[in-house]
Amino acid sequence: MTKTEENLQAAITGEAKARLEYMAFAMKAMEEGYPEFAQLFMEAAGAETVHGIGHMKAAGAVGTTYDNLNESANGEDYEIEEMYPRFIREADAESHADAAASFRLAVERERHHRAMFKEAFGKFKSKAAAAQA
């Protein structure tokens, strides 16, 4: 990997983390009754999203709709089958119930995402085949 490719990956990670932080801060501000500050955090989160997408495009990480659906339909397996189950076991072993609950919720949503993308990918392939016929 070139230095620029490493830098793009670091920038993507940094922008994604900043977006999540700002959205979490916005949610907390709303919970505490400060919508005007929540709006500031949400605006910053939006900008971080735009920056990250630019970096992803420069890194070649955004393909055609076919490629993106294929990757999304088949890319959730690691998180579902390996990553989150390990995270849950480790959090349980360390008595971090809040983390384990967060991981359990995430893996359930990842299963839903996988099913949703597999269905969409199948529809996309059917439409493409019909258009070629």
N, C-alpha and C. Protein backbone atom coordinates (compact mmCIF):
# COMPACT_ATOMS: atom_id res chain seq x y z
N MET A 1 0.85 -1.17 0.00
CA MET A 1 0.00 0.00 0.00
C MET A 1 0.90 1.24 0.00
N THR A 2 0.57 2.20 -0.86
CA THR A 2 1.36 3.42 -0.91
C THR A 2 1.06 4.29 0.31
N LYS A 3 1.89 5.29 0.52
CA LYS A 3 1.68 6.21 1.64
C LYS A 3 0.35 6.96 1.45
N THR A 4 0.03 7.35 0.22
CA THR A 4 -1.23 8.04 -0.04
C THR A 4 -2.41 7.12 0.25
N GLU A 5 -2.31 5.86 -0.13
CA GLU A 5 -3.40 4.91 0.17
C GLU A 5 -3.57 4.74 1.68
N GLU A 6 -2.46 4.65 2.41
CA GLU A 6 -2.53 4.58 3.87
C GLU A 6 -3.17 5.84 4.45
N ASN A 7 -2.79 6.98 3.90
CA ASN A 7 -3.35 8.24 4.38
C ASN A 7 -4.84 8.33 4.09
N LEU A 8 -5.26 7.88 2.92
CA LEU A 8 -6.70 7.88 2.61
C LEU A 8 -7.46 7.00 3.60
N GLN A 9 -6.91 5.83 3.91
CA GLN A 9 -7.58 4.94 4.86
C GLN A 9 -7.66 5.57 6.25
N ALA A 10 -6.57 6.22 6.67
CA ALA A 10 -6.57 6.90 7.96
C ALA A 10 -7.58 8.05 7.97
N ALA A 11 -7.66 8.77 6.88
CA ALA A 11 -8.60 9.88 6.79
C ALA A 11 -10.04 9.39 6.81
N ILE A 12 -10.32 8.31 6.11
CA ILE A 12 -11.67 7.72 6.11
C ILE A 12 -12.06 7.32 7.53
N THR A 13 -11.15 6.64 8.21
CA THR A 13 -11.40 6.22 9.59
C THR A 13 -11.63 7.43 10.50
N GLY A 14 -10.79 8.45 10.35
CA GLY A 14 -10.92 9.64 11.18
C GLY A 14 -12.23 10.37 10.94
N GLU A 15 -12.62 10.51 9.69
CA GLU A 15 -13.89 11.19 9.38
C GLU A 15 -15.08 10.39 9.89
N ALA A 16 -15.02 9.07 9.76
CA ALA A 16 -16.13 8.23 10.25
C ALA A 16 -16.26 8.34 11.77
N LYS A 17 -15.13 8.33 12.46
CA LYS A 17 -15.16 8.45 13.91
C LYS A 17 -15.69 9.82 14.32
N ALA A 18 -15.25 10.87 13.65
CA ALA A 18 -15.72 12.22 13.97
C ALA A 18 -17.23 12.32 13.72
N ARG A 19 -17.71 11.74 12.64
CA ARG A 19 -19.15 11.77 12.36
C ARG A 19 -19.93 11.10 13.48
N LEU A 20 -19.48 9.94 13.90
CA LEU A 20 -20.17 9.23 14.99
C LEU A 20 -20.13 10.04 16.27
N GLU A 21 -18.98 10.61 16.58
CA GLU A 21 -18.87 11.43 17.80
C GLU A 21 -19.85 12.60 17.75
N TYR A 22 -19.85 13.32 16.64
CA TYR A 22 -20.73 14.48 16.54
C TYR A 22 -22.20 14.09 16.62
N MET A 23 -22.56 12.97 16.03
CA MET A 23 -23.96 12.52 16.12
C MET A 23 -24.30 12.12 17.55
N ALA A 24 -23.37 11.46 18.23
CA ALA A 24 -23.60 11.10 19.64
C ALA A 24 -23.72 12.36 20.49
N PHE A 25 -22.88 13.34 20.22
CA PHE A 25 -22.95 14.60 20.96
C PHE A 25 -24.27 15.31 20.69
N ALA A 26 -24.75 15.26 19.45
CA ALA A 26 -26.03 15.87 19.09
C ALA A 26 -27.17 15.19 19.83
N MET A 27 -27.14 13.88 19.89
CA MET A 27 -28.20 13.15 20.59
C MET A 27 -28.20 13.51 22.08
N LYS A 28 -27.01 13.62 22.66
CA LYS A 28 -26.91 13.98 24.07
C LYS A 28 -27.42 15.40 24.29
N ALA A 29 -27.08 16.32 23.42
CA ALA A 29 -27.56 17.69 23.55
C ALA A 29 -29.09 17.73 23.46
N MET A 30 -29.67 16.93 22.58
CA MET A 30 -31.13 16.87 22.47
C MET A 30 -31.73 16.31 23.76
N GLU A 31 -31.13 15.26 24.30
CA GLU A 31 -31.62 14.66 25.55
C GLU A 31 -31.60 15.68 26.69
N GLU A 32 -30.60 16.55 26.67
CA GLU A 32 -30.44 17.54 27.73
C GLU A 32 -31.21 18.84 27.45
N GLY A 33 -31.93 18.88 26.32
CA GLY A 33 -32.75 20.04 26.01
C GLY A 33 -32.03 21.20 25.34
N TYR A 34 -30.99 20.89 24.57
CA TYR A 34 -30.23 21.93 23.87
C TYR A 34 -30.26 21.71 22.36
N PRO A 35 -31.41 21.89 21.72
CA PRO A 35 -31.50 21.62 20.28
C PRO A 35 -30.59 22.51 19.44
N GLU A 36 -30.31 23.73 19.90
CA GLU A 36 -29.45 24.62 19.12
C GLU A 36 -28.02 24.08 19.05
N PHE A 37 -27.56 23.42 20.11
CA PHE A 37 -26.23 22.82 20.08
C PHE A 37 -26.24 21.49 19.34
N ALA A 38 -27.35 20.78 19.45
CA ALA A 38 -27.49 19.54 18.69
C ALA A 38 -27.38 19.84 17.20
N GLN A 39 -28.00 20.93 16.76
CA GLN A 39 -27.94 21.31 15.35
C GLN A 39 -26.50 21.57 14.90
N LEU A 40 -25.72 22.22 15.74
CA LEU A 40 -24.31 22.46 15.40
C LEU A 40 -23.56 21.14 15.21
N PHE A 41 -23.77 20.22 16.15
CA PHE A 41 -23.11 18.92 16.03
C PHE A 41 -23.56 18.17 14.78
N MET A 42 -24.85 18.25 14.46
CA MET A 42 -25.35 17.55 13.27
C MET A 42 -24.79 18.16 11.99
N GLU A 43 -24.65 19.47 11.96
CA GLU A 43 -24.04 20.10 10.79
C GLU A 43 -22.60 19.67 10.61
N ALA A 44 -21.87 19.60 11.71
CA ALA A 44 -20.47 19.15 11.64
C ALA A 44 -20.41 17.68 11.20
N ALA A 45 -21.33 16.86 11.69
CA ALA A 45 -21.37 15.45 11.29
C ALA A 45 -21.62 15.33 9.80
N GLY A 46 -22.49 16.16 9.27
CA GLY A 46 -22.75 16.14 7.83
C GLY A 46 -21.51 16.48 7.02
N ALA A 47 -20.77 17.48 7.49
CA ALA A 47 -19.53 17.85 6.80
C ALA A 47 -18.51 16.72 6.85
N GLU A 48 -18.40 16.05 7.99
CA GLU A 48 -17.47 14.93 8.11
C GLU A 48 -17.86 13.81 7.14
N THR A 49 -19.15 13.60 6.96
CA THR A 49 -19.64 12.59 6.01
C THR A 49 -19.18 12.93 4.60
N VAL A 50 -19.35 14.19 4.20
CA VAL A 50 -18.94 14.62 2.87
C VAL A 50 -17.43 14.42 2.69
N HIS A 51 -16.65 14.79 3.70
CA HIS A 51 -15.20 14.61 3.61
C HIS A 51 -14.85 13.13 3.44
N GLY A 52 -15.46 12.28 4.27
CA GLY A 52 -15.17 10.85 4.21
C GLY A 52 -15.54 10.24 2.87
N ILE A 53 -16.66 10.66 2.31
CA ILE A 53 -17.07 10.14 0.99
C ILE A 53 -16.07 10.56 -0.08
N GLY A 54 -15.60 11.79 0.00
CA GLY A 54 -14.57 12.22 -0.94
C GLY A 54 -13.32 11.36 -0.85
N HIS A 55 -12.91 11.05 0.37
CA HIS A 55 -11.74 10.19 0.57
C HIS A 55 -12.01 8.78 0.03
N MET A 56 -13.22 8.27 0.27
CA MET A 56 -13.56 6.92 -0.22
C MET A 56 -13.51 6.87 -1.74
N LYS A 57 -14.04 7.90 -2.39
CA LYS A 57 -14.00 7.95 -3.85
C LYS A 57 -12.56 7.99 -4.35
N ALA A 58 -11.73 8.83 -3.70
CA ALA A 58 -10.33 8.92 -4.10
C ALA A 58 -9.60 7.60 -3.90
N ALA A 59 -10.04 6.82 -2.91
CA ALA A 59 -9.43 5.52 -2.62
C ALA A 59 -9.98 4.41 -3.51
N GLY A 60 -10.98 4.73 -4.34
CA GLY A 60 -11.57 3.72 -5.22
C GLY A 60 -12.50 2.78 -4.49
N ALA A 61 -13.04 3.23 -3.36
CA ALA A 61 -13.88 2.36 -2.53
C ALA A 61 -15.36 2.45 -2.85
N VAL A 62 -15.73 3.24 -3.85
CA VAL A 62 -17.13 3.35 -4.25
C VAL A 62 -17.22 2.87 -5.70
N GLY A 63 -17.89 1.74 -5.88
CA GLY A 63 -17.99 1.15 -7.21
C GLY A 63 -19.33 1.44 -7.87
N THR A 64 -19.66 0.60 -8.81
CA THR A 64 -20.96 0.68 -9.47
C THR A 64 -22.03 0.20 -8.50
N THR A 65 -23.28 0.46 -8.82
CA THR A 65 -24.36 -0.03 -7.96
C THR A 65 -24.29 -1.54 -7.83
N TYR A 66 -24.01 -2.24 -8.93
CA TYR A 66 -23.85 -3.70 -8.87
C TYR A 66 -22.76 -4.07 -7.87
N ASP A 67 -21.59 -3.45 -8.01
CA ASP A 67 -20.47 -3.76 -7.11
C ASP A 67 -20.80 -3.43 -5.66
N ASN A 68 -21.44 -2.29 -5.45
CA ASN A 68 -21.76 -1.86 -4.09
C ASN A 68 -22.79 -2.78 -3.45
N LEU A 69 -23.81 -3.20 -4.22
CA LEU A 69 -24.81 -4.14 -3.68
C LEU A 69 -24.17 -5.50 -3.41
N ASN A 70 -23.32 -5.96 -4.32
CA ASN A 70 -22.64 -7.24 -4.13
C ASN A 70 -21.79 -7.22 -2.87
N GLU A 71 -21.01 -6.16 -2.70
CA GLU A 71 -20.17 -6.06 -1.51
C GLU A 71 -21.03 -5.98 -0.25
N SER A 72 -22.09 -5.20 -0.29
CA SER A 72 -22.95 -5.05 0.88
C SER A 72 -23.68 -6.34 1.21
N ALA A 73 -24.14 -7.04 0.19
CA ALA A 73 -24.88 -8.30 0.39
C ALA A 73 -23.99 -9.39 0.97
N ASN A 74 -22.73 -9.35 0.62
CA ASN A 74 -21.82 -10.42 1.04
C ASN A 74 -20.77 -9.97 2.03
N GLY A 75 -20.81 -8.72 2.47
CA GLY A 75 -19.77 -8.20 3.33
C GLY A 75 -20.08 -8.20 4.81
N GLU A 76 -21.27 -8.61 5.19
CA GLU A 76 -21.67 -8.59 6.60
C GLU A 76 -21.29 -9.87 7.34
N ASP A 77 -20.90 -10.89 6.60
CA ASP A 77 -20.66 -12.20 7.20
C ASP A 77 -19.62 -12.18 8.32
N TYR A 78 -18.51 -11.49 8.10
CA TYR A 78 -17.45 -11.47 9.12
C TYR A 78 -17.97 -10.89 10.42
N GLU A 79 -18.68 -9.76 10.36
CA GLU A 79 -19.20 -9.14 11.57
C GLU A 79 -20.20 -10.05 12.27
N ILE A 80 -21.05 -10.70 11.49
CA ILE A 80 -22.12 -11.54 12.04
C ILE A 80 -21.57 -12.85 12.60
N GLU A 81 -20.69 -13.48 11.87
CA GLU A 81 -20.23 -14.83 12.21
C GLU A 81 -19.03 -14.85 13.14
N GLU A 82 -18.19 -13.82 13.09
CA GLU A 82 -16.95 -13.86 13.85
C GLU A 82 -16.78 -12.67 14.81
N MET A 83 -16.79 -11.46 14.26
CA MET A 83 -16.41 -10.29 15.04
C MET A 83 -17.33 -10.07 16.24
N TYR A 84 -18.63 -9.86 15.99
CA TYR A 84 -19.52 -9.56 17.11
C TYR A 84 -19.68 -10.72 18.09
N PRO A 85 -19.75 -11.97 17.63
CA PRO A 85 -19.81 -13.05 18.63
C PRO A 85 -18.59 -13.06 19.57
N ARG A 86 -17.41 -12.78 19.01
CA ARG A 86 -16.21 -12.70 19.85
C ARG A 86 -16.30 -11.50 20.80
N PHE A 87 -16.74 -10.36 20.27
CA PHE A 87 -16.87 -9.17 21.12
C PHE A 87 -17.85 -9.42 22.27
N ILE A 88 -18.95 -10.11 21.98
CA ILE A 88 -19.95 -10.40 23.01
C ILE A 88 -19.36 -11.30 24.08
N ARG A 89 -18.67 -12.37 23.67
CA ARG A 89 -18.05 -13.28 24.63
C ARG A 89 -17.06 -12.54 25.52
N GLU A 90 -16.23 -11.70 24.91
CA GLU A 90 -15.22 -10.98 25.68
C GLU A 90 -15.85 -9.96 26.63
N ALA A 91 -16.88 -9.27 26.17
CA ALA A 91 -17.55 -8.30 27.04
C ALA A 91 -18.24 -9.02 28.21
N ASP A 92 -18.88 -10.15 27.91
CA ASP A 92 -19.50 -10.93 28.99
C ASP A 92 -18.45 -11.40 29.99
N ALA A 93 -17.32 -11.89 29.49
CA ALA A 93 -16.26 -12.38 30.37
C ALA A 93 -15.69 -11.28 31.25
N GLU A 94 -15.72 -10.05 30.76
CA GLU A 94 -15.19 -8.91 31.52
C GLU A 94 -16.29 -8.15 32.27
N SER A 95 -17.50 -8.72 32.28
CA SER A 95 -18.65 -8.12 32.98
C SER A 95 -18.99 -6.71 32.49
N HIS A 96 -18.87 -6.48 31.19
CA HIS A 96 -19.26 -5.21 30.57
C HIS A 96 -20.62 -5.42 29.90
N ALA A 97 -21.65 -5.46 30.73
CA ALA A 97 -22.99 -5.75 30.23
C ALA A 97 -23.47 -4.73 29.20
N ASP A 98 -23.13 -3.46 29.40
CA ASP A 98 -23.56 -2.44 28.44
C ASP A 98 -22.92 -2.64 27.08
N ALA A 99 -21.65 -2.99 27.05
CA ALA A 99 -20.97 -3.26 25.78
C ALA A 99 -21.54 -4.51 25.12
N ALA A 100 -21.75 -5.56 25.92
CA ALA A 100 -22.31 -6.80 25.37
C ALA A 100 -23.69 -6.55 24.76
N ALA A 101 -24.50 -5.75 25.44
CA ALA A 101 -25.84 -5.43 24.92
C ALA A 101 -25.73 -4.64 23.62
N SER A 102 -24.80 -3.71 23.55
CA SER A 102 -24.59 -2.93 22.34
C SER A 102 -24.16 -3.83 21.18
N PHE A 103 -23.25 -4.76 21.47
CA PHE A 103 -22.79 -5.70 20.44
C PHE A 103 -23.92 -6.62 19.98
N ARG A 104 -24.75 -7.08 20.92
CA ARG A 104 -25.88 -7.95 20.56
C ARG A 104 -26.86 -7.22 19.66
N LEU A 105 -27.16 -5.99 19.99
CA LEU A 105 -28.05 -5.21 19.15
C LEU A 105 -27.44 -5.02 17.76
N ALA A 106 -26.16 -4.71 17.72
CA ALA A 106 -25.49 -4.49 16.43
C ALA A 106 -25.52 -5.74 15.57
N VAL A 107 -25.25 -6.90 16.14
CA VAL A 107 -25.23 -8.12 15.33
C VAL A 107 -26.62 -8.46 14.80
N GLU A 108 -27.64 -8.18 15.58
CA GLU A 108 -29.00 -8.41 15.09
C GLU A 108 -29.32 -7.49 13.93
N ARG A 109 -28.91 -6.23 14.02
CA ARG A 109 -29.15 -5.28 12.93
C ARG A 109 -28.31 -5.66 11.71
N GLU A 110 -27.10 -6.15 11.93
CA GLU A 110 -26.26 -6.58 10.81
C GLU A 110 -26.92 -7.74 10.06
N ARG A 111 -27.55 -8.64 10.79
CA ARG A 111 -28.28 -9.74 10.13
C ARG A 111 -29.38 -9.18 9.25
N HIS A 112 -30.09 -8.18 9.78
CA HIS A 112 -31.15 -7.54 8.98
C HIS A 112 -30.55 -6.87 7.75
N HIS A 113 -29.45 -6.16 7.91
CA HIS A 113 -28.81 -5.50 6.77
C HIS A 113 -28.40 -6.51 5.71
N ARG A 114 -27.81 -7.62 6.15
CA ARG A 114 -27.38 -8.64 5.19
C ARG A 114 -28.56 -9.15 4.39
N ALA A 115 -29.67 -9.45 5.07
CA ALA A 115 -30.86 -9.95 4.36
C ALA A 115 -31.41 -8.89 3.41
N MET A 116 -31.45 -7.65 3.86
CA MET A 116 -31.95 -6.56 3.05
C MET A 116 -31.10 -6.38 1.79
N PHE A 117 -29.78 -6.39 1.93
CA PHE A 117 -28.91 -6.21 0.78
C PHE A 117 -28.93 -7.42 -0.14
N LYS A 118 -29.01 -8.62 0.40
CA LYS A 118 -29.11 -9.82 -0.45
C LYS A 118 -30.38 -9.76 -1.30
N GLU A 119 -31.48 -9.35 -0.70
CA GLU A 119 -32.72 -9.23 -1.44
C GLU A 119 -32.60 -8.17 -2.54
N ALA A 120 -32.04 -7.03 -2.20
CA ALA A 120 -31.86 -5.95 -3.17
C ALA A 120 -30.92 -6.37 -4.29
N PHE A 121 -29.85 -7.07 -3.96
CA PHE A 121 -28.90 -7.53 -4.97
C PHE A 121 -29.56 -8.51 -5.92
N GLY A 122 -30.38 -9.41 -5.38
CA GLY A 122 -31.12 -10.34 -6.23
C GLY A 122 -32.05 -9.60 -7.18
N LYS A 123 -32.75 -8.61 -6.69
CA LYS A 123 -33.64 -7.81 -7.54
C LYS A 123 -32.85 -7.06 -8.61
N PHE A 124 -31.72 -6.52 -8.22
CA PHE A 124 -30.88 -5.78 -9.17
C PHE A 124 -30.43 -6.70 -10.31
N LYS A 125 -29.98 -7.91 -9.95
CA LYS A 125 -29.52 -8.86 -10.96
C LYS A 125 -30.67 -9.28 -11.86
N SER A 126 -31.86 -9.46 -11.31
CA SER A 126 -33.03 -9.83 -12.12
C SER A 126 -33.38 -8.72 -13.10
N LYS A 127 -33.35 -7.48 -12.65
CA LYS A 127 -33.65 -6.34 -13.53
C LYS A 127 -32.61 -6.24 -14.63
N ALA A 128 -31.35 -6.44 -14.27
CA ALA A 128 -30.28 -6.36 -15.27
C ALA A 128 -30.43 -7.46 -16.31
N ALA A 129 -30.78 -8.67 -15.85
CA ALA A 129 -30.97 -9.78 -16.79
C ALA A 129 -32.16 -9.53 -17.70
N ALA A 130 -33.24 -8.99 -17.15
CA ALA A 130 -34.42 -8.70 -17.96
C ALA A 130 -34.13 -7.62 -19.01
N ALA A 131 -33.31 -6.65 -18.64
CA ALA A 131 -32.96 -5.57 -19.55
C ALA A 131 -32.09 -6.06 -20.70
N GLN A 132 -31.31 -7.13 -20.45
CA GLN A 132 -30.44 -7.68 -21.49
C GLN A 132 -31.17 -8.66 -22.40
N ALA A 133 -32.33 -9.15 -21.95
CA ALA A 133 -33.07 -10.17 -22.72
C ALA A 133 -33.79 -9.56 -23.90
